Amino acid sequence: MFSTVNTSASGLTAQRLRMDLIADNIANVNTTRTEDGLPYRRKLAIFRERNGSFVNKLSSKMENNNTGNGVEVAGIREDTKPFKTVYRPEHPDANEDGYLEMPNINITSEMVDMIDASRSYEANVTALNTTKRMALKALEIGRG
């Protein structure tokens, strides 16, 4: 039962980080210059199975344990898609031809990702609450 709680907790943590990154992306949609002098680059969370080594998987299968170990953030990477260019000669960051490089962020896809992360978060909360209710019912049966 505790493995179920740990799996849900890892999912909650991962999806919260994902939502934080999406919020940062949306907040920086108009940031044309960062500390390195370039426009803001979209950031993405990379997830992987927790304890996903070959040895752990082999021992899990040998013990007929088909439950997962949860998820962890393997890293955060910047999206390598090219920046958007717009013609804004009056902007101080525009080049000599009047073109301005804008962040490689698409608000629509960010909102879709935010909805997806939010639903995944909700699913983990539901699984956690269901596990909690099952444990309480088991305790009630034991007392009865």
N, C-alpha and C. Protein backbone atom coordinates (compact mmCIF):
# COMPACT_ATOMS: atom_id res chain seq x y z
N MET A 1 0.83 -1.20 0.00
CA MET A 1 0.00 0.00 0.00
C MET A 1 0.87 1.26 0.00
N PHE A 2 1.98 1.22 0.73
CA PHE A 2 2.83 2.41 0.78
C PHE A 2 3.50 2.68 -0.57
N SER A 3 3.70 1.61 -1.35
CA SER A 3 4.29 1.83 -2.68
C SER A 3 3.32 2.61 -3.55
N THR A 4 2.02 2.39 -3.38
CA THR A 4 1.02 3.15 -4.13
C THR A 4 1.06 4.62 -3.74
N VAL A 5 1.19 4.88 -2.45
CA VAL A 5 1.27 6.25 -1.96
C VAL A 5 2.55 6.92 -2.51
N ASN A 6 3.66 6.19 -2.49
CA ASN A 6 4.91 6.75 -3.00
C ASN A 6 4.83 7.02 -4.50
N THR A 7 4.18 6.14 -5.24
CA THR A 7 4.03 6.34 -6.68
C THR A 7 3.19 7.58 -6.96
N SER A 8 2.08 7.73 -6.24
CA SER A 8 1.23 8.92 -6.43
C SER A 8 1.96 10.19 -6.01
N ALA A 9 2.69 10.11 -4.92
CA ALA A 9 3.43 11.28 -4.45
C ALA A 9 4.50 11.71 -5.46
N SER A 10 5.15 10.75 -6.07
CA SER A 10 6.17 11.10 -7.07
C SER A 10 5.51 11.74 -8.29
N GLY A 11 4.33 11.25 -8.66
CA GLY A 11 3.59 11.85 -9.77
C GLY A 11 3.15 13.27 -9.45
N LEU A 12 2.71 13.50 -8.22
CA LEU A 12 2.31 14.85 -7.81
C LEU A 12 3.49 15.81 -7.88
N THR A 13 4.63 15.38 -7.40
CA THR A 13 5.82 16.23 -7.42
C THR A 13 6.25 16.54 -8.85
N ALA A 14 6.26 15.53 -9.70
CA ALA A 14 6.68 15.72 -11.09
C ALA A 14 5.74 16.65 -11.84
N GLN A 15 4.44 16.46 -11.66
CA GLN A 15 3.48 17.30 -12.38
C GLN A 15 3.47 18.73 -11.85
N ARG A 16 3.74 18.90 -10.56
CA ARG A 16 3.83 20.26 -10.02
C ARG A 16 5.01 20.99 -10.65
N LEU A 17 6.14 20.31 -10.77
CA LEU A 17 7.30 20.92 -11.42
C LEU A 17 6.99 21.25 -12.87
N ARG A 18 6.31 20.34 -13.54
CA ARG A 18 5.93 20.59 -14.94
C ARG A 18 5.04 21.82 -15.06
N MET A 19 4.07 21.96 -14.15
CA MET A 19 3.20 23.14 -14.18
C MET A 19 3.99 24.41 -13.89
N ASP A 20 4.97 24.35 -12.98
CA ASP A 20 5.82 25.50 -12.70
C ASP A 20 6.60 25.92 -13.94
N LEU A 21 7.15 24.95 -14.67
CA LEU A 21 7.89 25.27 -15.89
C LEU A 21 6.99 25.89 -16.96
N ILE A 22 5.78 25.35 -17.09
CA ILE A 22 4.83 25.90 -18.06
C ILE A 22 4.46 27.33 -17.68
N ALA A 23 4.26 27.57 -16.39
CA ALA A 23 3.95 28.93 -15.94
C ALA A 23 5.10 29.88 -16.23
N ASP A 24 6.34 29.42 -16.04
CA ASP A 24 7.51 30.24 -16.38
C ASP A 24 7.54 30.53 -17.87
N ASN A 25 7.24 29.52 -18.68
CA ASN A 25 7.23 29.72 -20.14
C ASN A 25 6.20 30.78 -20.54
N ILE A 26 5.01 30.68 -19.97
CA ILE A 26 3.95 31.64 -20.30
C ILE A 26 4.34 33.04 -19.82
N ALA A 27 4.92 33.12 -18.64
CA ALA A 27 5.31 34.42 -18.09
C ALA A 27 6.40 35.09 -18.93
N ASN A 28 7.20 34.30 -19.62
CA ASN A 28 8.32 34.85 -20.39
C ASN A 28 8.06 34.87 -21.89
N VAL A 29 6.80 34.83 -22.30
CA VAL A 29 6.47 34.78 -23.72
C VAL A 29 6.96 36.02 -24.48
N ASN A 30 7.16 37.12 -23.80
CA ASN A 30 7.62 38.35 -24.44
C ASN A 30 9.04 38.76 -24.01
N THR A 31 9.77 37.89 -23.36
CA THR A 31 11.11 38.20 -22.90
C THR A 31 12.09 38.07 -24.07
N THR A 32 12.57 39.20 -24.56
CA THR A 32 13.43 39.19 -25.74
C THR A 32 14.91 39.18 -25.40
N ARG A 33 15.24 39.38 -24.12
CA ARG A 33 16.66 39.35 -23.74
C ARG A 33 16.80 38.79 -22.33
N THR A 34 17.55 37.70 -22.22
CA THR A 34 17.85 37.11 -20.92
C THR A 34 19.28 37.49 -20.55
N GLU A 35 19.80 36.90 -19.49
CA GLU A 35 21.15 37.22 -19.03
C GLU A 35 22.21 36.93 -20.09
N ASP A 36 21.96 35.91 -20.94
CA ASP A 36 22.94 35.58 -21.98
C ASP A 36 22.75 36.39 -23.25
N GLY A 37 21.81 37.33 -23.23
CA GLY A 37 21.60 38.23 -24.36
C GLY A 37 20.66 37.71 -25.43
N LEU A 38 20.15 36.51 -25.26
CA LEU A 38 19.23 35.90 -26.23
C LEU A 38 17.81 35.92 -25.68
N PRO A 39 16.81 35.70 -26.55
CA PRO A 39 15.44 35.57 -26.04
C PRO A 39 15.30 34.34 -25.14
N TYR A 40 14.26 34.35 -24.34
CA TYR A 40 13.97 33.24 -23.44
C TYR A 40 13.70 31.99 -24.27
N ARG A 41 14.23 30.85 -23.85
CA ARG A 41 13.96 29.57 -24.50
C ARG A 41 12.99 28.77 -23.65
N ARG A 42 12.02 28.17 -24.33
CA ARG A 42 11.03 27.32 -23.67
C ARG A 42 11.74 26.20 -22.90
N LYS A 43 11.27 25.94 -21.70
CA LYS A 43 11.84 24.88 -20.87
C LYS A 43 10.87 23.71 -20.76
N LEU A 44 11.44 22.50 -20.78
CA LEU A 44 10.66 21.27 -20.73
C LEU A 44 11.20 20.35 -19.64
N ALA A 45 10.30 19.67 -18.94
CA ALA A 45 10.69 18.68 -17.94
C ALA A 45 10.83 17.33 -18.62
N ILE A 46 11.88 16.61 -18.28
CA ILE A 46 12.10 15.27 -18.80
C ILE A 46 11.87 14.30 -17.65
N PHE A 47 10.90 13.40 -17.83
CA PHE A 47 10.55 12.42 -16.80
C PHE A 47 11.15 11.06 -17.15
N ARG A 48 11.39 10.27 -16.11
CA ARG A 48 11.77 8.87 -16.30
C ARG A 48 11.23 8.08 -15.12
N GLU A 49 11.17 6.78 -15.29
CA GLU A 49 10.70 5.91 -14.22
C GLU A 49 11.72 5.94 -13.08
N ARG A 50 11.20 6.06 -11.89
CA ARG A 50 12.07 6.07 -10.71
C ARG A 50 12.60 4.66 -10.48
N ASN A 51 13.86 4.57 -10.11
CA ASN A 51 14.52 3.27 -9.91
C ASN A 51 14.35 2.38 -11.14
N GLY A 52 14.53 2.98 -12.30
CA GLY A 52 14.28 2.27 -13.54
C GLY A 52 15.48 1.52 -14.08
N SER A 53 16.43 1.15 -13.23
CA SER A 53 17.60 0.43 -13.71
C SER A 53 17.22 -1.00 -14.09
N PHE A 54 18.06 -1.62 -14.87
CA PHE A 54 17.82 -2.98 -15.33
C PHE A 54 17.72 -3.95 -14.16
N VAL A 55 18.61 -3.80 -13.17
CA VAL A 55 18.62 -4.70 -12.02
C VAL A 55 17.31 -4.59 -11.24
N ASN A 56 16.83 -3.37 -11.03
CA ASN A 56 15.56 -3.19 -10.31
C ASN A 56 14.39 -3.78 -11.08
N LYS A 57 14.38 -3.61 -12.40
CA LYS A 57 13.30 -4.17 -13.20
C LYS A 57 13.34 -5.70 -13.18
N LEU A 58 14.55 -6.26 -13.30
CA LEU A 58 14.69 -7.71 -13.29
C LEU A 58 14.22 -8.30 -11.97
N SER A 59 14.67 -7.72 -10.86
CA SER A 59 14.26 -8.25 -9.55
C SER A 59 12.77 -8.07 -9.33
N SER A 60 12.20 -6.98 -9.84
CA SER A 60 10.76 -6.75 -9.72
C SER A 60 9.98 -7.82 -10.47
N LYS A 61 10.43 -8.15 -11.67
CA LYS A 61 9.74 -9.17 -12.47
C LYS A 61 9.91 -10.56 -11.86
N MET A 62 11.08 -10.81 -11.28
CA MET A 62 11.31 -12.12 -10.66
C MET A 62 10.44 -12.32 -9.43
N GLU A 63 10.10 -11.22 -8.77
CA GLU A 63 9.24 -11.29 -7.58
C GLU A 63 7.77 -11.16 -7.95
N ASN A 64 7.47 -11.12 -9.26
CA ASN A 64 6.10 -10.93 -9.76
C ASN A 64 5.47 -9.66 -9.24
N ASN A 65 6.28 -8.65 -9.06
CA ASN A 65 5.80 -7.35 -8.61
C ASN A 65 5.61 -6.48 -9.84
N ASN A 66 4.38 -6.29 -10.28
CA ASN A 66 4.11 -5.55 -11.50
C ASN A 66 3.78 -4.09 -11.26
N THR A 67 3.96 -3.63 -10.05
CA THR A 67 3.68 -2.23 -9.78
C THR A 67 4.88 -1.38 -10.18
N GLY A 68 4.61 -0.15 -10.55
CA GLY A 68 5.68 0.77 -10.92
C GLY A 68 6.32 1.38 -9.69
N ASN A 69 7.37 2.09 -9.91
CA ASN A 69 8.09 2.73 -8.82
C ASN A 69 7.87 4.23 -8.79
N GLY A 70 7.05 4.72 -9.67
CA GLY A 70 6.80 6.16 -9.72
C GLY A 70 7.64 6.81 -10.79
N VAL A 71 7.68 8.12 -10.72
CA VAL A 71 8.36 8.91 -11.74
C VAL A 71 9.28 9.90 -11.05
N GLU A 72 10.34 10.28 -11.76
CA GLU A 72 11.22 11.31 -11.26
C GLU A 72 11.61 12.21 -12.43
N VAL A 73 12.05 13.39 -12.09
CA VAL A 73 12.48 14.33 -13.12
C VAL A 73 13.94 14.03 -13.44
N ALA A 74 14.17 13.62 -14.68
CA ALA A 74 15.54 13.31 -15.12
C ALA A 74 16.31 14.59 -15.40
N GLY A 75 15.59 15.64 -15.72
CA GLY A 75 16.25 16.90 -16.01
C GLY A 75 15.29 17.91 -16.60
N ILE A 76 15.80 19.10 -16.76
CA ILE A 76 15.04 20.17 -17.41
C ILE A 76 15.89 20.61 -18.60
N ARG A 77 15.28 20.61 -19.77
CA ARG A 77 16.05 21.02 -20.95
C ARG A 77 15.35 22.18 -21.64
N GLU A 78 16.14 22.88 -22.42
CA GLU A 78 15.60 23.98 -23.20
C GLU A 78 15.20 23.46 -24.57
N ASP A 79 14.08 23.94 -25.06
CA ASP A 79 13.59 23.57 -26.39
C ASP A 79 14.53 24.17 -27.44
N THR A 80 14.94 23.37 -28.40
CA THR A 80 15.89 23.83 -29.41
C THR A 80 15.22 24.39 -30.66
N LYS A 81 13.91 24.49 -30.65
CA LYS A 81 13.23 25.08 -31.81
C LYS A 81 13.73 26.51 -32.01
N PRO A 82 13.76 26.97 -33.25
CA PRO A 82 14.27 28.33 -33.49
C PRO A 82 13.34 29.39 -32.91
N PHE A 83 13.94 30.55 -32.65
CA PHE A 83 13.15 31.67 -32.16
C PHE A 83 12.23 32.17 -33.26
N LYS A 84 11.14 32.82 -32.86
CA LYS A 84 10.25 33.47 -33.83
C LYS A 84 10.85 34.83 -34.17
N THR A 85 10.70 35.23 -35.41
CA THR A 85 11.16 36.57 -35.77
C THR A 85 9.96 37.41 -36.21
N VAL A 86 9.92 38.62 -35.71
CA VAL A 86 8.85 39.56 -36.06
C VAL A 86 9.49 40.88 -36.45
N TYR A 87 8.81 41.61 -37.29
CA TYR A 87 9.32 42.91 -37.74
C TYR A 87 8.86 43.98 -36.78
N ARG A 88 9.78 44.49 -35.98
CA ARG A 88 9.51 45.57 -35.03
C ARG A 88 10.74 46.48 -34.96
N PRO A 89 10.90 47.33 -35.94
CA PRO A 89 12.11 48.16 -35.99
C PRO A 89 12.24 49.13 -34.82
N GLU A 90 11.14 49.45 -34.15
CA GLU A 90 11.20 50.39 -33.03
C GLU A 90 11.66 49.74 -31.72
N HIS A 91 11.71 48.42 -31.68
CA HIS A 91 12.10 47.71 -30.45
C HIS A 91 13.62 47.82 -30.24
N PRO A 92 14.06 48.06 -29.01
CA PRO A 92 15.51 48.22 -28.77
C PRO A 92 16.33 46.95 -29.03
N ASP A 93 15.71 45.78 -29.01
CA ASP A 93 16.45 44.54 -29.26
C ASP A 93 16.39 44.09 -30.72
N ALA A 94 15.76 44.88 -31.58
CA ALA A 94 15.68 44.52 -33.00
C ALA A 94 17.06 44.63 -33.64
N ASN A 95 17.28 43.79 -34.66
CA ASN A 95 18.57 43.86 -35.37
C ASN A 95 18.56 45.03 -36.34
N GLU A 96 19.64 45.17 -37.10
CA GLU A 96 19.77 46.33 -38.00
C GLU A 96 18.73 46.34 -39.11
N ASP A 97 18.13 45.17 -39.41
CA ASP A 97 17.08 45.10 -40.43
C ASP A 97 15.69 45.34 -39.84
N GLY A 98 15.59 45.51 -38.53
CA GLY A 98 14.32 45.77 -37.87
C GLY A 98 13.61 44.52 -37.37
N TYR A 99 14.26 43.37 -37.48
CA TYR A 99 13.63 42.13 -37.03
C TYR A 99 14.02 41.82 -35.59
N LEU A 100 13.05 41.33 -34.86
CA LEU A 100 13.20 41.02 -33.44
C LEU A 100 13.01 39.52 -33.24
N GLU A 101 13.93 38.90 -32.53
CA GLU A 101 13.78 37.49 -32.17
C GLU A 101 12.95 37.40 -30.90
N MET A 102 11.90 36.58 -30.98
CA MET A 102 10.99 36.37 -29.84
C MET A 102 11.17 34.93 -29.33
N PRO A 103 10.80 34.67 -28.08
CA PRO A 103 10.91 33.33 -27.52
C PRO A 103 10.17 32.29 -28.37
N ASN A 104 10.66 31.06 -28.32
CA ASN A 104 10.07 29.95 -29.07
C ASN A 104 8.92 29.31 -28.30
N ILE A 105 8.00 30.13 -27.86
CA ILE A 105 6.87 29.68 -27.04
C ILE A 105 5.57 29.88 -27.80
N ASN A 106 4.76 28.83 -27.83
CA ASN A 106 3.43 28.90 -28.42
C ASN A 106 2.42 28.82 -27.27
N ILE A 107 1.71 29.88 -27.04
CA ILE A 107 0.78 29.95 -25.90
C ILE A 107 -0.25 28.83 -25.94
N THR A 108 -0.75 28.51 -27.12
CA THR A 108 -1.77 27.46 -27.24
C THR A 108 -1.23 26.12 -26.77
N SER A 109 -0.04 25.76 -27.22
CA SER A 109 0.51 24.47 -26.80
C SER A 109 0.88 24.48 -25.32
N GLU A 110 1.27 25.63 -24.81
CA GLU A 110 1.55 25.73 -23.37
C GLU A 110 0.28 25.51 -22.55
N MET A 111 -0.83 26.08 -23.02
CA MET A 111 -2.10 25.90 -22.31
C MET A 111 -2.56 24.45 -22.36
N VAL A 112 -2.37 23.81 -23.50
CA VAL A 112 -2.73 22.38 -23.63
C VAL A 112 -1.86 21.56 -22.68
N ASP A 113 -0.56 21.86 -22.63
CA ASP A 113 0.34 21.16 -21.70
C ASP A 113 -0.07 21.41 -20.25
N MET A 114 -0.51 22.64 -19.95
CA MET A 114 -0.94 22.96 -18.58
C MET A 114 -2.19 22.15 -18.20
N ILE A 115 -3.12 22.04 -19.13
CA ILE A 115 -4.33 21.23 -18.86
C ILE A 115 -3.94 19.77 -18.64
N ASP A 116 -3.03 19.27 -19.48
CA ASP A 116 -2.57 17.88 -19.34
C ASP A 116 -1.89 17.65 -18.00
N ALA A 117 -1.02 18.55 -17.61
CA ALA A 117 -0.32 18.43 -16.32
C ALA A 117 -1.31 18.52 -15.16
N SER A 118 -2.28 19.40 -15.29
CA SER A 118 -3.29 19.57 -14.25
C SER A 118 -4.14 18.30 -14.09
N ARG A 119 -4.53 17.71 -15.22
CA ARG A 119 -5.32 16.47 -15.17
C ARG A 119 -4.50 15.31 -14.59
N SER A 120 -3.22 15.26 -14.94
CA SER A 120 -2.35 14.22 -14.38
C SER A 120 -2.20 14.40 -12.88
N TYR A 121 -2.08 15.64 -12.45
CA TYR A 121 -2.00 15.94 -11.02
C TYR A 121 -3.28 15.48 -10.32
N GLU A 122 -4.42 15.81 -10.91
CA GLU A 122 -5.71 15.41 -10.34
C GLU A 122 -5.84 13.89 -10.27
N ALA A 123 -5.36 13.19 -11.28
CA ALA A 123 -5.42 11.72 -11.29
C ALA A 123 -4.59 11.15 -10.15
N ASN A 124 -3.43 11.74 -9.89
CA ASN A 124 -2.60 11.27 -8.79
C ASN A 124 -3.25 11.56 -7.44
N VAL A 125 -3.90 12.70 -7.31
CA VAL A 125 -4.63 13.01 -6.07
C VAL A 125 -5.76 12.01 -5.86
N THR A 126 -6.48 11.68 -6.93
CA THR A 126 -7.57 10.71 -6.84
C THR A 126 -7.04 9.34 -6.42
N ALA A 127 -5.94 8.90 -7.01
CA ALA A 127 -5.35 7.61 -6.65
C ALA A 127 -4.91 7.61 -5.19
N LEU A 128 -4.33 8.72 -4.75
CA LEU A 128 -3.88 8.83 -3.36
C LEU A 128 -5.07 8.78 -2.41
N ASN A 129 -6.14 9.50 -2.72
CA ASN A 129 -7.33 9.49 -1.87
C ASN A 129 -8.01 8.13 -1.86
N THR A 130 -8.02 7.44 -2.98
CA THR A 130 -8.61 6.10 -3.05
C THR A 130 -7.82 5.14 -2.17
N THR A 131 -6.50 5.21 -2.24
CA THR A 131 -5.65 4.36 -1.40
C THR A 131 -5.91 4.64 0.07
N LYS A 132 -6.05 5.90 0.41
CA LYS A 132 -6.31 6.29 1.80
C LYS A 132 -7.66 5.73 2.27
N ARG A 133 -8.69 5.84 1.41
CA ARG A 133 -10.01 5.30 1.78
C ARG A 133 -9.96 3.79 1.95
N MET A 134 -9.22 3.10 1.08
CA MET A 134 -9.10 1.65 1.20
C MET A 134 -8.41 1.26 2.50
N ALA A 135 -7.38 2.00 2.88
CA ALA A 135 -6.68 1.71 4.13
C ALA A 135 -7.60 1.92 5.33
N LEU A 136 -8.39 3.00 5.29
CA LEU A 136 -9.33 3.26 6.39
C LEU A 136 -10.40 2.18 6.49
N LYS A 137 -10.89 1.73 5.33
CA LYS A 137 -11.89 0.65 5.33
C LYS A 137 -11.29 -0.64 5.87
N ALA A 138 -10.03 -0.92 5.52
CA ALA A 138 -9.36 -2.11 6.05
C ALA A 138 -9.21 -2.02 7.56
N LEU A 139 -8.91 -0.84 8.08
CA LEU A 139 -8.81 -0.67 9.53
C LEU A 139 -10.17 -0.85 10.20
N GLU A 140 -11.23 -0.36 9.55
CA GLU A 140 -12.57 -0.53 10.11
C GLU A 140 -12.97 -2.00 10.15
N ILE A 141 -12.59 -2.74 9.11
CA ILE A 141 -12.90 -4.16 9.08
C ILE A 141 -12.14 -4.88 10.19
N GLY A 142 -10.89 -4.49 10.41
CA GLY A 142 -10.05 -5.09 11.45
C GLY A 142 -10.59 -4.82 12.84
N ARG A 143 -11.22 -3.66 13.05
CA ARG A 143 -11.78 -3.32 14.37
C ARG A 143 -13.08 -4.05 14.62
N GLY A 144 -13.81 -4.33 13.53
CA GLY A 144 -15.15 -4.88 13.65
C GLY A 144 -15.20 -6.28 14.01
